[in-house]
Amino acid sequence: MNEIVKFESELEFVGDINEYKDCLMSQDNTQDDPKVLWFNIDVPKGHGLKPGDRVRITVEKA
């Protein structure tokens, strides 16, 4: 696999989407620093994550 980007961020929001998945989000901070990366991704329920946890995001080309 070809790694595109990897970064760590604090989880700011966990949203309840439906009975199968939640949405994890780290908000955009481009007002202060346009180089800041952020994410918004759906994950299966049962992940055990909560706001304030640090997560690592990796994007790879398959």
Protein backbone atom coordinates (compact mmCIF):
# COMPACT_ATOMS: atom_id res chain seq x y z
CA MET A 1 0.00 0.00 0.00
CA ASN A 2 1.12 3.54 -0.72
CA GLU A 3 0.78 5.85 2.33
CA ILE A 4 -0.67 9.25 1.45
CA VAL A 5 -0.78 10.86 4.91
CA LYS A 6 -0.64 9.93 8.60
CA PHE A 7 -1.41 12.30 11.47
CA GLU A 8 -2.62 12.31 15.08
CA SER A 9 -5.47 14.44 16.34
CA GLU A 10 -7.75 14.82 19.34
CA LEU A 11 -11.22 13.41 18.81
CA GLU A 12 -13.61 16.32 19.31
CA PHE A 13 -16.99 14.79 18.52
CA VAL A 14 -18.66 11.36 18.46
CA GLY A 15 -22.05 11.40 16.75
CA ASP A 16 -24.70 8.69 16.87
CA ILE A 17 -25.61 8.05 13.20
CA ASN A 18 -27.80 4.96 13.54
CA GLU A 19 -27.86 1.53 15.24
CA TYR A 20 -24.80 0.37 13.24
CA LYS A 21 -22.37 3.29 13.15
CA ASP A 22 -21.10 6.49 14.76
CA CYS A 23 -19.35 9.51 13.25
CA LEU A 24 -15.90 10.53 14.56
CA MET A 25 -14.80 14.11 13.93
CA SER A 26 -11.98 16.53 14.53
CA GLN A 27 -13.04 20.07 13.56
CA ASP A 28 -11.38 22.26 10.96
CA ASN A 29 -8.92 24.82 12.36
CA THR A 30 -8.10 26.62 9.11
CA GLN A 31 -8.99 30.02 10.55
CA ASP A 32 -5.80 29.82 12.65
CA ASP A 33 -3.60 27.56 10.53
CA PRO A 34 -4.54 26.56 6.96
CA LYS A 35 -2.14 23.56 7.10
CA VAL A 36 -4.12 21.81 9.88
CA LEU A 37 -5.64 18.47 8.80
CA TRP A 38 -9.02 17.31 10.09
CA PHE A 39 -11.35 14.34 9.63
CA ASN A 40 -14.98 13.24 9.65
CA ILE A 41 -15.42 9.46 9.32
CA ASP A 42 -18.09 6.88 10.08
CA VAL A 43 -17.04 3.82 12.12
CA PRO A 44 -18.91 0.73 13.35
CA LYS A 45 -20.48 0.92 16.83
CA GLY A 46 -18.52 -0.64 19.68
CA HIS A 47 -15.33 1.39 19.07
CA GLY A 48 -15.11 2.67 22.68
CA LEU A 49 -13.83 6.12 21.65
CA LYS A 50 -14.91 9.35 23.35
CA PRO A 51 -14.21 13.07 22.87
CA GLY A 52 -10.69 13.92 24.06
CA ASP A 53 -9.15 10.61 22.97
CA ARG A 54 -6.18 10.93 20.60
CA VAL A 55 -6.48 8.98 17.36
CA ARG A 56 -4.14 8.34 14.45
CA ILE A 57 -5.54 8.78 10.94
CA THR A 58 -3.81 6.96 8.07
CA VAL A 59 -4.81 7.21 4.41
CA GLU A 60 -3.32 4.67 2.02
CA LYS A 61 -3.91 3.98 -1.63
CA ALA A 62 -4.83 0.34 -2.17
